[in-house]
């Protein structure tokens, strides 16, 4: 938009050069027009680069491809009972302490690292779309939090990863990792096990939304 505005401004500046103007006045206006056009070119180049980077990362390509994570560890995963998948904005009582299915809010939320707990009704919807939720303790170390921020950038197709603080993590577990009807509890965070879980269950929810539609989550 800034580029378009700059081009219009440059055009008007050029159009203001009248034949009766003195040579010095025409030269000053022409110089101003060249500066505005150059600025417009720079803005267009920056816009193209920004859009390219945005679509590359949100399409699951580039640096944050889940296939680059460790994915050959032995993991202990619970196959949870299925509790349905209806949409509702009414208060919801979940049968599981940390639910992996069930009624949920009609809206999901963005992928990424969270410092506040957004609520299970939203997170269950995210898992329905194949997202992975990594729950961490509120008193987790800064080192772990920084690593979770990094993991939360990974994508596969239309699914992503959310790292969320949670008071419901059971005693003896440092993190709980969930997908749709799947739970993995870890006494100690293990990069290989978390990477294996992500690779195995990301984008495996009952509703798969194309990356071109669901860029970054929070769209459905």
C-alpha atoms as a PDB file:
ATOM      1  CA  UNK A   1       0.000   0.000   0.000  1.00  0.00           C
ATOM      2  CA  UNK A   2       2.871   2.340   0.802  1.00  0.00           C
ATOM      3  CA  UNK A   3       4.436   1.516  -2.570  1.00  0.00           C
ATOM      4  CA  UNK A   4       1.226   2.363  -4.425  1.00  0.00           C
ATOM      5  CA  UNK A   5       0.886   5.607  -2.494  1.00  0.00           C
ATOM      6  CA  UNK A   6       4.481   6.502  -3.349  1.00  0.00           C
ATOM      7  CA  UNK A   7       3.910   5.869  -7.063  1.00  0.00           C
ATOM      8  CA  UNK A   8       0.808   8.067  -7.049  1.00  0.00           C
ATOM      9  CA  UNK A   9       2.717  10.795  -5.241  1.00  0.00           C
ATOM     10  CA  UNK A  10       5.578  10.544  -7.751  1.00  0.00           C
ATOM     11  CA  UNK A  11       3.135  10.755 -10.659  1.00  0.00           C
ATOM     12  CA  UNK A  12       1.493  13.850  -9.242  1.00  0.00           C
ATOM     13  CA  UNK A  13       4.872  15.404  -8.564  1.00  0.00           C
ATOM     14  CA  UNK A  14       5.899  14.759 -12.186  1.00  0.00           C
ATOM     15  CA  UNK A  15       2.603  16.139 -13.424  1.00  0.00           C
ATOM     16  CA  UNK A  16       3.145  19.346 -11.503  1.00  0.00           C
ATOM     17  CA  UNK A  17       6.112  20.231 -13.737  1.00  0.00           C
ATOM     18  CA  UNK A  18       4.692  22.922 -15.987  1.00  0.00           C
ATOM     19  CA  UNK A  19       6.273  24.415 -19.058  1.00  0.00           C
ATOM     20  CA  UNK A  20       6.260  27.911 -17.648  1.00  0.00           C
ATOM     21  CA  UNK A  21       8.334  26.878 -14.619  1.00  0.00           C
ATOM     22  CA  UNK A  22      11.899  27.956 -14.451  1.00  0.00           C
ATOM     23  CA  UNK A  23      14.634  25.408 -15.174  1.00  0.00           C
ATOM     24  CA  UNK A  24      15.790  25.295 -11.558  1.00  0.00           C
ATOM     25  CA  UNK A  25      12.232  24.685 -10.287  1.00  0.00           C
ATOM     26  CA  UNK A  26      11.669  21.861 -12.791  1.00  0.00           C
ATOM     27  CA  UNK A  27      14.952  20.226 -11.780  1.00  0.00           C
ATOM     28  CA  UNK A  28      13.983  20.296  -8.088  1.00  0.00           C
ATOM     29  CA  UNK A  29      10.607  18.658  -8.774  1.00  0.00           C
ATOM     30  CA  UNK A  30      12.180  16.023 -11.038  1.00  0.00           C
ATOM     31  CA  UNK A  31      14.726  15.192  -8.322  1.00  0.00           C
ATOM     32  CA  UNK A  32      11.919  14.821  -5.785  1.00  0.00           C
ATOM     33  CA  UNK A  33      10.002  12.526  -8.162  1.00  0.00           C
ATOM     34  CA  UNK A  34      13.042  10.273  -8.677  1.00  0.00           C
ATOM     35  CA  UNK A  35      13.505   9.963  -4.910  1.00  0.00           C
ATOM     36  CA  UNK A  36       9.859   8.977  -4.395  1.00  0.00           C
ATOM     37  CA  UNK A  37       9.980   6.380  -7.203  1.00  0.00           C
ATOM     38  CA  UNK A  38      13.171   4.877  -5.779  1.00  0.00           C
ATOM     39  CA  UNK A  39      11.523   4.622  -2.373  1.00  0.00           C
ATOM     40  CA  UNK A  40       8.519   2.905  -3.963  1.00  0.00           C
ATOM     41  CA  UNK A  41      10.805   0.333  -5.641  1.00  0.00           C
ATOM     42  CA  UNK A  42      12.483  -0.429  -2.299  1.00  0.00           C
ATOM     43  CA  UNK A  43       9.112  -0.862  -0.576  1.00  0.00           C
ATOM     44  CA  UNK A  44       7.904  -3.266  -3.280  1.00  0.00           C
ATOM     45  CA  UNK A  45      11.089  -5.339  -2.970  1.00  0.00           C
ATOM     46  CA  UNK A  46      10.713  -5.536   0.808  1.00  0.00           C
ATOM     47  CA  UNK A  47       7.041  -6.547   0.454  1.00  0.00           C
ATOM     48  CA  UNK A  48       7.876  -9.362  -1.977  1.00  0.00           C
ATOM     49  CA  UNK A  49      10.609 -10.679   0.328  1.00  0.00           C
ATOM     50  CA  UNK A  50       8.308 -10.543   3.392  1.00  0.00           C
ATOM     51  CA  UNK A  51       5.459 -12.354   1.631  1.00  0.00           C
ATOM     52  CA  UNK A  52       7.850 -14.996   0.306  1.00  0.00           C
ATOM     53  CA  UNK A  53       9.229 -15.705   3.780  1.00  0.00           C
ATOM     54  CA  UNK A  54       5.727 -15.796   5.288  1.00  0.00           C
ATOM     55  CA  UNK A  55       4.348 -18.319   2.809  1.00  0.00           C
ATOM     56  CA  UNK A  56       7.492 -20.450   2.900  1.00  0.00           C
ATOM     57  CA  UNK A  57       7.342 -20.889   6.677  1.00  0.00           C
ATOM     58  CA  UNK A  58       3.566 -21.351   6.880  1.00  0.00           C
ATOM     59  CA  UNK A  59       3.490 -23.884   4.072  1.00  0.00           C
ATOM     60  CA  UNK A  60       5.646 -26.224   6.145  1.00  0.00           C
ATOM     61  CA  UNK A  61       8.823 -25.717   4.106  1.00  0.00           C
ATOM     62  CA  UNK A  62      12.091 -24.039   4.839  1.00  0.00           C
ATOM     63  CA  UNK A  63      13.916 -24.382   8.135  1.00  0.00           C
ATOM     64  CA  UNK A  64      10.980 -25.519  10.286  1.00  0.00           C
ATOM     65  CA  UNK A  65      10.140 -28.836   8.634  1.00  0.00           C
ATOM     66  CA  UNK A  66       9.169 -31.497  11.213  1.00  0.00           C
ATOM     67  CA  UNK A  67      11.078 -34.163   9.290  1.00  0.00           C
ATOM     68  CA  UNK A  68      14.264 -32.451  10.483  1.00  0.00           C
ATOM     69  CA  UNK A  69      13.419 -33.230  14.121  1.00  0.00           C
ATOM     70  CA  UNK A  70      14.632 -36.408  15.851  1.00  0.00           C
ATOM     71  CA  UNK A  71      12.109 -39.106  14.976  1.00  0.00           C
ATOM     72  CA  UNK A  72      13.484 -42.548  15.820  1.00  0.00           C
ATOM     73  CA  UNK A  73      13.016 -42.762  19.585  1.00  0.00           C
ATOM     74  CA  UNK A  74      10.956 -45.396  21.389  1.00  0.00           C
ATOM     75  CA  UNK A  75       7.948 -43.610  22.909  1.00  0.00           C
ATOM     76  CA  UNK A  76       5.210 -44.622  25.326  1.00  0.00           C
ATOM     77  CA  UNK A  77       1.935 -43.168  24.053  1.00  0.00           C
ATOM     78  CA  UNK A  78      -1.537 -43.629  25.519  1.00  0.00           C
ATOM     79  CA  UNK A  79      -4.407 -44.189  23.096  1.00  0.00           C
ATOM     80  CA  UNK A  80      -7.124 -42.132  24.770  1.00  0.00           C
ATOM     81  CA  UNK A  81     -10.855 -42.730  24.661  1.00  0.00           C
ATOM     82  CA  UNK A  82     -12.722 -40.760  22.006  1.00  0.00           C
ATOM     83  CA  UNK A  83     -15.221 -38.292  23.523  1.00  0.00           C
ATOM     84  CA  UNK A  84     -16.693 -36.754  20.386  1.00  0.00           C
ATOM     85  CA  UNK A  85     -15.953 -33.599  18.423  1.00  0.00           C
ATOM     86  CA  UNK A  86     -19.020 -31.346  18.527  1.00  0.00           C
ATOM     87  CA  UNK A  87     -18.739 -27.562  18.495  1.00  0.00           C
ATOM     88  CA  UNK A  88     -20.231 -25.532  21.320  1.00  0.00           C
ATOM     89  CA  UNK A  89     -19.749 -22.209  23.057  1.00  0.00           C
ATOM     90  CA  UNK A  90     -21.382 -23.521  26.247  1.00  0.00           C
ATOM     91  CA  UNK A  91     -19.235 -24.427  29.313  1.00  0.00           C
ATOM     92  CA  UNK A  92     -17.643 -27.847  28.836  1.00  0.00           C
ATOM     93  CA  UNK A  93     -16.846 -30.526  31.410  1.00  0.00           C
ATOM     94  CA  UNK A  94     -14.087 -32.823  30.184  1.00  0.00           C
ATOM     95  CA  UNK A  95     -13.843 -36.432  31.311  1.00  0.00           C
ATOM     96  CA  UNK A  96     -10.041 -36.338  31.060  1.00  0.00           C
ATOM     97  CA  UNK A  97      -7.825 -34.094  33.189  1.00  0.00           C
ATOM     98  CA  UNK A  98      -5.932 -33.115  30.034  1.00  0.00           C
ATOM     99  CA  UNK A  99      -8.419 -33.811  27.211  1.00  0.00           C
ATOM    100  CA  UNK A 100      -7.434 -34.980  23.750  1.00  0.00           C
ATOM    101  CA  UNK A 101     -10.926 -35.058  22.228  1.00  0.00           C
ATOM    102  CA  UNK A 102     -14.459 -34.031  23.098  1.00  0.00           C
ATOM    103  CA  UNK A 103     -16.748 -31.036  22.558  1.00  0.00           C
ATOM    104  CA  UNK A 104     -14.851 -27.831  21.881  1.00  0.00           C
ATOM    105  CA  UNK A 105     -15.115 -24.182  20.940  1.00  0.00           C
ATOM    106  CA  UNK A 106     -15.872 -23.441  17.252  1.00  0.00           C
ATOM    107  CA  UNK A 107     -12.599 -21.486  17.063  1.00  0.00           C
ATOM    108  CA  UNK A 108      -9.023 -22.718  17.289  1.00  0.00           C
ATOM    109  CA  UNK A 109      -6.003 -20.543  18.129  1.00  0.00           C
ATOM    110  CA  UNK A 110      -2.674 -19.631  16.536  1.00  0.00           C
ATOM    111  CA  UNK A 111       0.337 -21.926  16.615  1.00  0.00           C
ATOM    112  CA  UNK A 112       3.211 -20.807  18.829  1.00  0.00           C
ATOM    113  CA  UNK A 113       4.521 -20.435  22.371  1.00  0.00           C
ATOM    114  CA  UNK A 114       2.052 -19.302  25.065  1.00  0.00           C
ATOM    115  CA  UNK A 115       2.746 -17.845  28.491  1.00  0.00           C
ATOM    116  CA  UNK A 116      -0.919 -18.021  29.560  1.00  0.00           C
ATOM    117  CA  UNK A 117      -3.237 -21.033  29.434  1.00  0.00           C
ATOM    118  CA  UNK A 118      -5.842 -20.361  26.686  1.00  0.00           C
ATOM    119  CA  UNK A 119      -8.341 -23.053  27.766  1.00  0.00           C
ATOM    120  CA  UNK A 120      -9.038 -26.625  26.702  1.00  0.00           C
ATOM    121  CA  UNK A 121     -12.050 -25.813  24.465  1.00  0.00           C
ATOM    122  CA  UNK A 122      -9.703 -24.027  22.043  1.00  0.00           C
ATOM    123  CA  UNK A 123      -6.827 -26.496  22.350  1.00  0.00           C
ATOM    124  CA  UNK A 124      -9.048 -29.505  21.688  1.00  0.00           C
ATOM    125  CA  UNK A 125     -10.149 -27.819  18.461  1.00  0.00           C
ATOM    126  CA  UNK A 126      -6.494 -27.359  17.504  1.00  0.00           C
ATOM    127  CA  UNK A 127      -5.853 -31.059  18.025  1.00  0.00           C
ATOM    128  CA  UNK A 128      -8.882 -31.864  15.859  1.00  0.00           C
ATOM    129  CA  UNK A 129      -6.985 -30.127  13.034  1.00  0.00           C
ATOM    130  CA  UNK A 130      -3.886 -32.224  13.677  1.00  0.00           C
ATOM    131  CA  UNK A 131      -1.916 -29.821  15.881  1.00  0.00           C
ATOM    132  CA  UNK A 132       0.465 -30.966  18.612  1.00  0.00           C
ATOM    133  CA  UNK A 133       0.181 -29.450  22.109  1.00  0.00           C
ATOM    134  CA  UNK A 134       3.255 -29.461  24.365  1.00  0.00           C
ATOM    135  CA  UNK A 135       2.216 -28.663  27.940  1.00  0.00           C
ATOM    136  CA  UNK A 136       4.948 -27.369  30.238  1.00  0.00           C
ATOM    137  CA  UNK A 137       5.031 -26.401  33.909  1.00  0.00           C
ATOM    138  CA  UNK A 138       4.689 -22.733  34.810  1.00  0.00           C
ATOM    139  CA  UNK A 139       7.986 -22.929  36.722  1.00  0.00           C
ATOM    140  CA  UNK A 140       9.851 -24.519  33.796  1.00  0.00           C
ATOM    141  CA  UNK A 141      13.430 -23.408  33.262  1.00  0.00           C
ATOM    142  CA  UNK A 142      14.207 -20.571  30.887  1.00  0.00           C
ATOM    143  CA  UNK A 143      16.266 -23.009  28.828  1.00  0.00           C
ATOM    144  CA  UNK A 144      13.281 -25.314  28.313  1.00  0.00           C
ATOM    145  CA  UNK A 145      10.991 -22.409  27.461  1.00  0.00           C
ATOM    146  CA  UNK A 146      13.421 -21.137  24.837  1.00  0.00           C
ATOM    147  CA  UNK A 147      13.598 -24.587  23.291  1.00  0.00           C
ATOM    148  CA  UNK A 148       9.801 -24.861  23.232  1.00  0.00           C
ATOM    149  CA  UNK A 149       9.632 -21.495  21.456  1.00  0.00           C
ATOM    150  CA  UNK A 150      11.859 -23.023  18.797  1.00  0.00           C
ATOM    151  CA  UNK A 151       9.755 -26.204  18.485  1.00  0.00           C
ATOM    152  CA  UNK A 152       6.562 -24.165  18.213  1.00  0.00           C
ATOM    153  CA  UNK A 153       7.783 -22.813  14.853  1.00  0.00           C
ATOM    154  CA  UNK A 154       7.626 -26.201  13.134  1.00  0.00           C
ATOM    155  CA  UNK A 155       4.871 -27.037  10.652  1.00  0.00           C
ATOM    156  CA  UNK A 156       3.553 -29.858   8.552  1.00  0.00           C
ATOM    157  CA  UNK A 157       0.962 -29.143   5.882  1.00  0.00           C
ATOM    158  CA  UNK A 158      -1.896 -27.287   7.628  1.00  0.00           C
ATOM    159  CA  UNK A 159      -0.879 -28.282  11.176  1.00  0.00           C
ATOM    160  CA  UNK A 160       1.463 -26.801  13.735  1.00  0.00           C
ATOM    161  CA  UNK A 161       2.678 -26.908  17.327  1.00  0.00           C
ATOM    162  CA  UNK A 162       1.578 -25.039  20.445  1.00  0.00           C
ATOM    163  CA  UNK A 163       3.556 -24.876  23.699  1.00  0.00           C
ATOM    164  CA  UNK A 164       1.252 -24.053  26.607  1.00  0.00           C
ATOM    165  CA  UNK A 165       1.703 -23.737  30.405  1.00  0.00           C
ATOM    166  CA  UNK A 166      -0.558 -26.086  32.345  1.00  0.00           C
ATOM    167  CA  UNK A 167      -1.285 -26.595  36.054  1.00  0.00           C
ATOM    168  CA  UNK A 168      -2.828 -30.006  35.322  1.00  0.00           C
ATOM    169  CA  UNK A 169       0.486 -31.696  34.500  1.00  0.00           C
ATOM    170  CA  UNK A 170       0.643 -34.665  36.903  1.00  0.00           C
ATOM    171  CA  UNK A 171       3.276 -34.912  39.621  1.00  0.00           C
ATOM    172  CA  UNK A 172       6.427 -36.535  38.367  1.00  0.00           C
ATOM    173  CA  UNK A 173       6.055 -35.290  34.796  1.00  0.00           C
ATOM    174  CA  UNK A 174       7.932 -32.329  33.373  1.00  0.00           C
ATOM    175  CA  UNK A 175       5.936 -32.105  30.138  1.00  0.00           C
ATOM    176  CA  UNK A 176       2.841 -33.702  28.620  1.00  0.00           C
ATOM    177  CA  UNK A 177       2.590 -33.893  24.839  1.00  0.00           C
ATOM    178  CA  UNK A 178      -0.793 -34.448  23.206  1.00  0.00           C
ATOM    179  CA  UNK A 179      -2.394 -34.953  19.803  1.00  0.00           C
ATOM    180  CA  UNK A 180      -5.946 -36.003  18.901  1.00  0.00           C
ATOM    181  CA  UNK A 181      -6.704 -38.973  21.245  1.00  0.00           C
ATOM    182  CA  UNK A 182      -2.977 -39.389  22.021  1.00  0.00           C
ATOM    183  CA  UNK A 183      -1.021 -38.545  25.198  1.00  0.00           C
ATOM    184  CA  UNK A 184       2.656 -38.854  26.070  1.00  0.00           C
ATOM    185  CA  UNK A 185       3.883 -37.985  29.580  1.00  0.00           C
ATOM    186  CA  UNK A 186       7.601 -37.420  30.134  1.00  0.00           C
ATOM    187  CA  UNK A 187       9.325 -37.369  33.520  1.00  0.00           C
ATOM    188  CA  UNK A 188      12.038 -35.306  31.844  1.00  0.00           C
ATOM    189  CA  UNK A 189      11.854 -33.442  28.562  1.00  0.00           C
ATOM    190  CA  UNK A 190      13.453 -35.558  25.838  1.00  0.00           C
ATOM    191  CA  UNK A 191      14.106 -33.983  22.444  1.00  0.00           C
ATOM    192  CA  UNK A 192      14.160 -37.281  20.569  1.00  0.00           C
ATOM    193  CA  UNK A 193      10.908 -38.528  22.109  1.00  0.00           C
ATOM    194  CA  UNK A 194       9.098 -35.231  21.539  1.00  0.00           C
ATOM    195  CA  UNK A 195      10.382 -35.089  17.963  1.00  0.00           C
ATOM    196  CA  UNK A 196       9.230 -38.658  17.357  1.00  0.00           C
ATOM    197  CA  UNK A 197       5.766 -37.899  18.759  1.00  0.00           C
ATOM    198  CA  UNK A 198       5.482 -34.801  16.565  1.00  0.00           C
ATOM    199  CA  UNK A 199       6.508 -36.652  13.421  1.00  0.00           C
ATOM    200  CA  UNK A 200       4.126 -39.514  14.134  1.00  0.00           C
ATOM    201  CA  UNK A 201       0.975 -37.562  15.016  1.00  0.00           C
ATOM    202  CA  UNK A 202       1.120 -34.061  13.527  1.00  0.00           C
ATOM    203  CA  UNK A 203      -1.518 -33.483  10.832  1.00  0.00           C
ATOM    204  CA  UNK A 204      -3.282 -36.718  11.837  1.00  0.00           C
ATOM    205  CA  UNK A 205      -6.447 -35.169  13.272  1.00  0.00           C
ATOM    206  CA  UNK A 206      -9.885 -35.995  11.861  1.00  0.00           C
ATOM    207  CA  UNK A 207     -10.087 -32.586  10.132  1.00  0.00           C
ATOM    208  CA  UNK A 208      -7.177 -31.702   7.853  1.00  0.00           C
ATOM    209  CA  UNK A 209      -7.143 -28.116   6.608  1.00  0.00           C
ATOM    210  CA  UNK A 210      -4.778 -27.155   3.732  1.00  0.00           C
ATOM    211  CA  UNK A 211      -1.839 -24.936   4.653  1.00  0.00           C
ATOM    212  CA  UNK A 212      -3.003 -22.376   2.088  1.00  0.00           C
ATOM    213  CA  UNK A 213      -6.190 -21.938   4.138  1.00  0.00           C
ATOM    214  CA  UNK A 214      -4.950 -22.485   7.670  1.00  0.00           C
ATOM    215  CA  UNK A 215      -1.845 -20.325   7.788  1.00  0.00           C
ATOM    216  CA  UNK A 216      -0.610 -20.260  11.357  1.00  0.00           C
ATOM    217  CA  UNK A 217      -3.795 -21.638  12.885  1.00  0.00           C
ATOM    218  CA  UNK A 218      -6.540 -19.563  14.433  1.00  0.00           C
ATOM    219  CA  UNK A 219      -8.617 -19.515  11.245  1.00  0.00           C
ATOM    220  CA  UNK A 220     -11.404 -22.036  11.874  1.00  0.00           C
END
